[in-house]
N, C-alpha and C. Protein backbone atom coordinates (compact mmCIF):
# COMPACT_ATOMS: atom_id res chain seq x y z
N UNK A 1 81.70 79.87 113.00
CA UNK A 1 80.87 81.00 112.59
C UNK A 1 79.97 81.41 113.75
N UNK A 2 79.65 82.66 113.82
CA UNK A 2 78.77 83.17 114.87
C UNK A 2 77.38 82.59 114.70
N UNK A 3 76.58 82.61 115.79
CA UNK A 3 75.19 82.18 115.68
C UNK A 3 74.47 83.00 114.64
N UNK A 4 73.36 82.48 114.11
CA UNK A 4 72.66 83.20 113.06
C UNK A 4 71.20 83.38 113.42
N UNK A 5 70.58 84.40 112.81
CA UNK A 5 69.16 84.63 113.04
C UNK A 5 68.35 83.57 112.27
N UNK A 6 67.02 83.65 112.39
CA UNK A 6 66.16 82.64 111.78
C UNK A 6 66.34 82.53 110.28
N UNK A 7 66.68 83.60 109.60
CA UNK A 7 66.83 83.56 108.15
C UNK A 7 68.17 82.95 107.74
N UNK A 8 69.08 82.73 108.70
CA UNK A 8 70.40 82.20 108.39
C UNK A 8 71.34 83.24 107.82
N UNK A 9 70.91 84.49 107.85
CA UNK A 9 71.66 85.56 107.19
C UNK A 9 72.72 86.19 108.07
N UNK A 10 72.31 86.69 109.19
CA UNK A 10 73.19 87.55 109.98
C UNK A 10 73.55 86.89 111.31
N UNK A 11 74.83 86.94 111.71
CA UNK A 11 75.21 86.38 113.00
C UNK A 11 74.63 87.21 114.13
N UNK A 12 74.20 86.55 115.18
CA UNK A 12 73.66 87.26 116.34
C UNK A 12 74.20 86.66 117.62
N UNK A 13 74.40 87.48 118.63
CA UNK A 13 74.86 86.99 119.92
C UNK A 13 73.85 86.07 120.61
N UNK A 14 72.57 86.43 120.63
CA UNK A 14 71.63 85.58 121.35
C UNK A 14 71.47 84.19 120.74
N UNK A 15 71.85 83.98 119.49
CA UNK A 15 71.66 82.69 118.83
C UNK A 15 72.62 81.63 119.34
N UNK A 16 73.85 82.01 119.68
CA UNK A 16 74.84 81.05 120.15
C UNK A 16 75.99 81.81 120.81
N UNK A 17 76.60 81.20 121.82
CA UNK A 17 77.76 81.85 122.44
C UNK A 17 78.94 81.93 121.46
N UNK A 18 79.75 82.94 121.62
CA UNK A 18 80.95 83.07 120.80
C UNK A 18 81.99 82.06 121.25
N UNK A 19 82.74 81.50 120.30
CA UNK A 19 83.88 80.69 120.70
C UNK A 19 85.06 81.63 120.91
N UNK A 20 86.19 81.10 121.36
CA UNK A 20 87.33 81.94 121.70
C UNK A 20 87.85 82.72 120.48
N UNK A 21 87.95 82.07 119.34
CA UNK A 21 88.45 82.73 118.13
C UNK A 21 87.54 83.88 117.70
N UNK A 22 86.23 83.65 117.75
CA UNK A 22 85.27 84.69 117.39
C UNK A 22 85.38 85.87 118.34
N UNK A 23 85.51 85.57 119.63
CA UNK A 23 85.61 86.64 120.63
C UNK A 23 86.87 87.47 120.42
N UNK A 24 87.99 86.81 120.12
CA UNK A 24 89.24 87.53 119.88
C UNK A 24 89.10 88.43 118.65
N UNK A 25 88.52 87.90 117.57
CA UNK A 25 88.32 88.67 116.34
C UNK A 25 87.45 89.90 116.57
N UNK A 26 86.33 89.70 117.25
CA UNK A 26 85.43 90.82 117.52
C UNK A 26 86.04 91.83 118.48
N UNK A 27 86.80 91.36 119.46
CA UNK A 27 87.42 92.26 120.43
C UNK A 27 88.37 93.23 119.74
N UNK A 28 89.09 92.76 118.70
CA UNK A 28 90.00 93.65 117.96
C UNK A 28 89.22 94.79 117.30
N UNK A 29 88.06 94.46 116.75
CA UNK A 29 87.26 95.48 116.08
C UNK A 29 86.69 96.45 117.11
N UNK A 30 86.14 95.92 118.20
CA UNK A 30 85.60 96.80 119.23
C UNK A 30 86.69 97.67 119.86
N UNK A 31 87.89 97.12 120.02
CA UNK A 31 89.00 97.91 120.57
C UNK A 31 89.33 99.07 119.64
N UNK A 32 89.32 98.80 118.35
CA UNK A 32 89.59 99.87 117.38
C UNK A 32 88.53 100.96 117.47
N UNK A 33 87.31 100.58 117.79
CA UNK A 33 86.22 101.55 117.90
C UNK A 33 86.16 102.21 119.27
N UNK A 34 87.00 101.77 120.19
CA UNK A 34 86.96 102.26 121.57
C UNK A 34 87.70 103.57 121.80
N UNK A 35 87.95 104.32 120.76
CA UNK A 35 88.65 105.59 120.88
C UNK A 35 87.83 106.67 120.18
N UNK A 36 87.58 107.80 120.83
CA UNK A 36 86.75 108.84 120.22
C UNK A 36 87.30 109.37 118.89
N UNK A 37 88.61 109.47 118.76
CA UNK A 37 89.18 109.95 117.50
C UNK A 37 88.88 108.95 116.38
N UNK A 38 89.06 107.66 116.66
CA UNK A 38 88.80 106.65 115.64
C UNK A 38 87.32 106.58 115.29
N UNK A 39 86.46 106.76 116.28
CA UNK A 39 85.02 106.79 115.99
C UNK A 39 84.68 107.96 115.08
N UNK A 40 85.26 109.12 115.36
CA UNK A 40 85.02 110.29 114.51
C UNK A 40 85.56 110.08 113.11
N UNK A 41 86.77 109.52 113.01
CA UNK A 41 87.35 109.24 111.69
C UNK A 41 86.46 108.28 110.91
N UNK A 42 86.01 107.22 111.55
CA UNK A 42 85.15 106.25 110.87
C UNK A 42 83.86 106.92 110.41
N UNK A 43 83.29 107.77 111.27
CA UNK A 43 82.07 108.49 110.92
C UNK A 43 82.29 109.42 109.74
N UNK A 44 83.41 110.12 109.73
CA UNK A 44 83.71 111.03 108.63
C UNK A 44 83.88 110.27 107.31
N UNK A 45 84.54 109.13 107.38
CA UNK A 45 84.74 108.32 106.18
C UNK A 45 83.42 107.74 105.70
N UNK A 46 82.64 107.18 106.62
CA UNK A 46 81.38 106.53 106.26
C UNK A 46 80.36 107.50 105.69
N UNK A 47 80.36 108.73 106.18
CA UNK A 47 79.34 109.70 105.78
C UNK A 47 79.75 110.52 104.56
N UNK A 48 80.93 110.31 104.06
CA UNK A 48 81.42 111.12 102.94
C UNK A 48 80.67 110.79 101.66
N UNK A 49 80.14 111.82 101.02
CA UNK A 49 79.47 111.65 99.74
C UNK A 49 80.48 111.09 98.74
N UNK A 50 80.09 110.09 97.99
CA UNK A 50 80.99 109.46 97.04
C UNK A 50 81.70 108.25 97.63
N UNK A 51 81.62 108.09 98.95
CA UNK A 51 82.13 106.90 99.59
C UNK A 51 83.61 106.87 99.93
N UNK A 52 84.35 107.92 99.60
CA UNK A 52 85.76 107.94 99.98
C UNK A 52 86.19 109.36 100.32
N UNK A 53 87.28 109.44 101.09
CA UNK A 53 87.76 110.74 101.53
C UNK A 53 89.29 110.73 101.57
N UNK A 54 89.87 111.86 101.22
CA UNK A 54 91.32 112.03 101.25
C UNK A 54 91.78 112.32 102.68
N UNK A 55 92.92 111.79 103.04
CA UNK A 55 93.47 112.07 104.36
C UNK A 55 93.65 113.57 104.55
N UNK A 56 93.87 114.29 103.46
CA UNK A 56 94.03 115.75 103.56
C UNK A 56 92.75 116.43 104.03
N UNK A 57 91.60 115.77 103.88
CA UNK A 57 90.33 116.31 104.37
C UNK A 57 90.03 115.86 105.80
N UNK A 58 90.70 114.80 106.26
CA UNK A 58 90.47 114.29 107.61
C UNK A 58 91.31 115.03 108.64
N UNK A 59 92.56 115.23 108.34
CA UNK A 59 93.52 115.78 109.30
C UNK A 59 93.11 117.13 109.89
N UNK A 60 92.64 118.10 109.08
CA UNK A 60 92.31 119.41 109.65
C UNK A 60 91.16 119.39 110.68
N UNK A 61 90.38 118.33 110.71
CA UNK A 61 89.24 118.27 111.63
C UNK A 61 89.68 117.97 113.07
N UNK A 62 90.95 117.69 113.26
CA UNK A 62 91.45 117.29 114.58
C UNK A 62 92.62 118.17 115.00
N UNK A 63 92.76 118.34 116.29
CA UNK A 63 93.89 119.07 116.84
C UNK A 63 94.98 118.06 117.18
N UNK A 64 95.35 117.26 116.17
CA UNK A 64 96.36 116.21 116.32
C UNK A 64 97.31 116.29 115.14
N UNK A 65 98.51 115.74 115.32
CA UNK A 65 99.48 115.74 114.24
C UNK A 65 99.08 114.74 113.15
N UNK A 66 99.61 114.94 111.97
CA UNK A 66 99.32 114.03 110.86
C UNK A 66 99.77 112.59 111.18
N UNK A 67 100.95 112.39 111.81
CA UNK A 67 101.33 111.02 112.15
C UNK A 67 100.36 110.35 113.13
N UNK A 68 99.79 111.11 114.04
CA UNK A 68 98.81 110.56 114.98
C UNK A 68 97.54 110.15 114.25
N UNK A 69 97.07 110.98 113.34
CA UNK A 69 95.89 110.63 112.53
C UNK A 69 96.19 109.38 111.72
N UNK A 70 97.37 109.31 111.11
CA UNK A 70 97.75 108.13 110.33
C UNK A 70 97.76 106.87 111.19
N UNK A 71 98.22 107.00 112.42
CA UNK A 71 98.22 105.85 113.34
C UNK A 71 96.80 105.37 113.61
N UNK A 72 95.89 106.29 113.88
CA UNK A 72 94.49 105.92 114.12
C UNK A 72 93.88 105.26 112.88
N UNK A 73 94.17 105.80 111.71
CA UNK A 73 93.66 105.21 110.47
C UNK A 73 94.23 103.80 110.25
N UNK A 74 95.49 103.62 110.61
CA UNK A 74 96.11 102.30 110.50
C UNK A 74 95.38 101.28 111.38
N UNK A 75 95.03 101.68 112.59
CA UNK A 75 94.32 100.77 113.49
C UNK A 75 92.93 100.42 112.95
N UNK A 76 92.26 101.39 112.34
CA UNK A 76 90.96 101.11 111.73
C UNK A 76 91.11 100.16 110.54
N UNK A 77 92.19 100.32 109.78
CA UNK A 77 92.46 99.40 108.65
C UNK A 77 92.75 98.00 109.17
N UNK A 78 93.59 97.90 110.19
CA UNK A 78 93.94 96.59 110.74
C UNK A 78 92.73 95.86 111.30
N UNK A 79 91.74 96.61 111.76
CA UNK A 79 90.51 96.01 112.29
C UNK A 79 89.54 95.62 111.17
N UNK A 80 89.87 95.98 109.94
CA UNK A 80 89.01 95.63 108.81
C UNK A 80 87.82 96.55 108.62
N UNK A 81 87.88 97.74 109.21
CA UNK A 81 86.77 98.68 109.12
C UNK A 81 86.87 99.59 107.90
N UNK A 82 88.09 99.89 107.49
CA UNK A 82 88.31 100.77 106.33
C UNK A 82 89.41 100.18 105.46
N UNK A 83 89.52 100.71 104.26
CA UNK A 83 90.64 100.39 103.39
C UNK A 83 91.09 101.68 102.74
N UNK A 84 92.23 101.64 102.05
CA UNK A 84 92.76 102.85 101.48
C UNK A 84 93.56 102.56 100.21
N UNK A 85 93.86 103.66 99.51
CA UNK A 85 94.67 103.58 98.29
C UNK A 85 95.46 104.87 98.17
N UNK A 86 96.74 104.75 97.87
CA UNK A 86 97.58 105.93 97.64
C UNK A 86 97.40 106.38 96.20
N UNK A 87 97.17 107.67 96.04
CA UNK A 87 97.06 108.29 94.72
C UNK A 87 97.98 109.50 94.72
N UNK A 88 99.15 109.33 94.12
CA UNK A 88 100.14 110.39 94.16
C UNK A 88 100.64 110.57 95.58
N UNK A 89 100.54 111.78 96.11
CA UNK A 89 101.01 112.03 97.48
C UNK A 89 99.92 111.85 98.52
N UNK A 90 98.67 111.65 98.10
CA UNK A 90 97.55 111.55 99.03
C UNK A 90 97.04 110.11 99.14
N UNK A 91 96.46 109.82 100.29
CA UNK A 91 95.85 108.51 100.53
C UNK A 91 94.35 108.73 100.70
N UNK A 92 93.57 107.90 100.03
CA UNK A 92 92.11 107.97 100.08
C UNK A 92 91.58 106.77 100.85
N UNK A 93 90.58 107.01 101.70
CA UNK A 93 90.01 105.99 102.57
C UNK A 93 88.55 105.78 102.25
N UNK A 94 88.07 104.55 102.47
CA UNK A 94 86.66 104.22 102.33
C UNK A 94 86.29 103.14 103.34
N UNK A 95 85.02 103.08 103.65
CA UNK A 95 84.46 102.14 104.61
C UNK A 95 84.37 100.75 103.99
N UNK A 96 84.62 99.72 104.79
CA UNK A 96 84.37 98.34 104.40
C UNK A 96 83.09 97.89 105.10
N UNK A 97 81.96 97.98 104.42
CA UNK A 97 80.68 97.74 105.09
C UNK A 97 80.51 96.33 105.63
N UNK A 98 81.21 95.36 105.12
CA UNK A 98 81.06 93.99 105.62
C UNK A 98 81.35 93.87 107.10
N UNK A 99 82.39 94.53 107.57
CA UNK A 99 82.73 94.46 109.00
C UNK A 99 81.69 95.19 109.83
N UNK A 100 81.22 96.32 109.37
CA UNK A 100 80.18 97.07 110.08
C UNK A 100 78.90 96.22 110.14
N UNK A 101 78.55 95.58 109.04
CA UNK A 101 77.36 94.73 109.00
C UNK A 101 77.50 93.55 109.96
N UNK A 102 78.70 92.99 110.04
CA UNK A 102 78.95 91.87 110.96
C UNK A 102 78.75 92.32 112.40
N UNK A 103 79.28 93.51 112.75
CA UNK A 103 79.10 94.02 114.11
C UNK A 103 77.63 94.27 114.41
N UNK A 104 76.93 94.86 113.46
CA UNK A 104 75.50 95.13 113.65
C UNK A 104 74.75 93.82 113.85
N UNK A 105 75.10 92.81 113.07
CA UNK A 105 74.44 91.51 113.20
C UNK A 105 74.70 90.86 114.54
N UNK A 106 75.92 90.95 115.02
CA UNK A 106 76.27 90.35 116.31
C UNK A 106 75.49 91.02 117.43
N UNK A 107 75.30 92.32 117.33
CA UNK A 107 74.63 93.06 118.40
C UNK A 107 73.11 93.08 118.28
N UNK A 108 72.58 92.51 117.21
CA UNK A 108 71.14 92.50 117.01
C UNK A 108 70.48 91.43 117.87
N UNK A 109 69.45 91.83 118.56
CA UNK A 109 68.67 90.88 119.37
C UNK A 109 67.48 90.45 118.55
N UNK A 110 67.48 89.21 118.11
CA UNK A 110 66.37 88.71 117.29
C UNK A 110 65.50 87.77 118.11
N UNK A 111 64.22 87.76 117.78
CA UNK A 111 63.29 86.85 118.45
C UNK A 111 63.02 87.18 119.89
N UNK A 112 63.41 88.37 120.34
CA UNK A 112 63.16 88.77 121.72
C UNK A 112 62.45 90.10 121.71
N UNK A 113 61.53 90.30 122.64
CA UNK A 113 60.85 91.60 122.68
C UNK A 113 61.83 92.71 122.98
N UNK A 114 61.58 93.86 122.42
CA UNK A 114 62.45 95.01 122.66
C UNK A 114 62.39 95.39 124.13
N UNK A 115 63.55 95.64 124.70
CA UNK A 115 63.61 96.04 126.10
C UNK A 115 63.26 97.53 126.18
N UNK A 116 62.53 97.89 127.22
CA UNK A 116 62.25 99.31 127.39
C UNK A 116 63.52 100.00 127.86
N UNK A 117 63.60 101.28 127.62
CA UNK A 117 64.80 102.03 127.95
C UNK A 117 65.10 101.89 129.44
N UNK A 118 66.36 101.59 129.73
CA UNK A 118 66.79 101.48 131.12
C UNK A 118 66.65 100.09 131.70
N UNK A 119 65.99 99.16 131.00
CA UNK A 119 65.89 97.80 131.54
C UNK A 119 66.88 96.89 130.84
N UNK A 120 67.28 95.78 131.47
CA UNK A 120 68.30 94.88 130.92
C UNK A 120 67.87 94.17 129.67
C-alpha cells in the first residue's frame, strides 16, 4: 500500500517511497491521462450533471472518428478512471471517483509547508 497521511486515510508520496508494483499501477493511470483528448473526455464525463454521459454526447465535441473516441474511452476504462454500460445502441459512461481520489492522495503533500509558486 502507498504511504499514508497522519490520519491513515489517504496515500501520499512524501510518506513513503512507492514500491515497483505501486509505481507500475500508477504509471498506467498517469499514462491514460497523458493525452489531451482523454483529459477532455474525462473532464466531460466528470462534470456531467447526473454523473453519466452518453457516447453520443461525447463524440461531436471532437474532430475525431467514433472508433478513435471509443479507443480513448477504452484506455480510460482500462486505467480504472471510468466505467460504462450499454443501453440499447448507446453506451453511457461515468467517473470512478476512487481512482481519482487515489491520484489526488498520492500527489498531496502533507505535513510540509506550501511551496511558493515557482519553487521546488
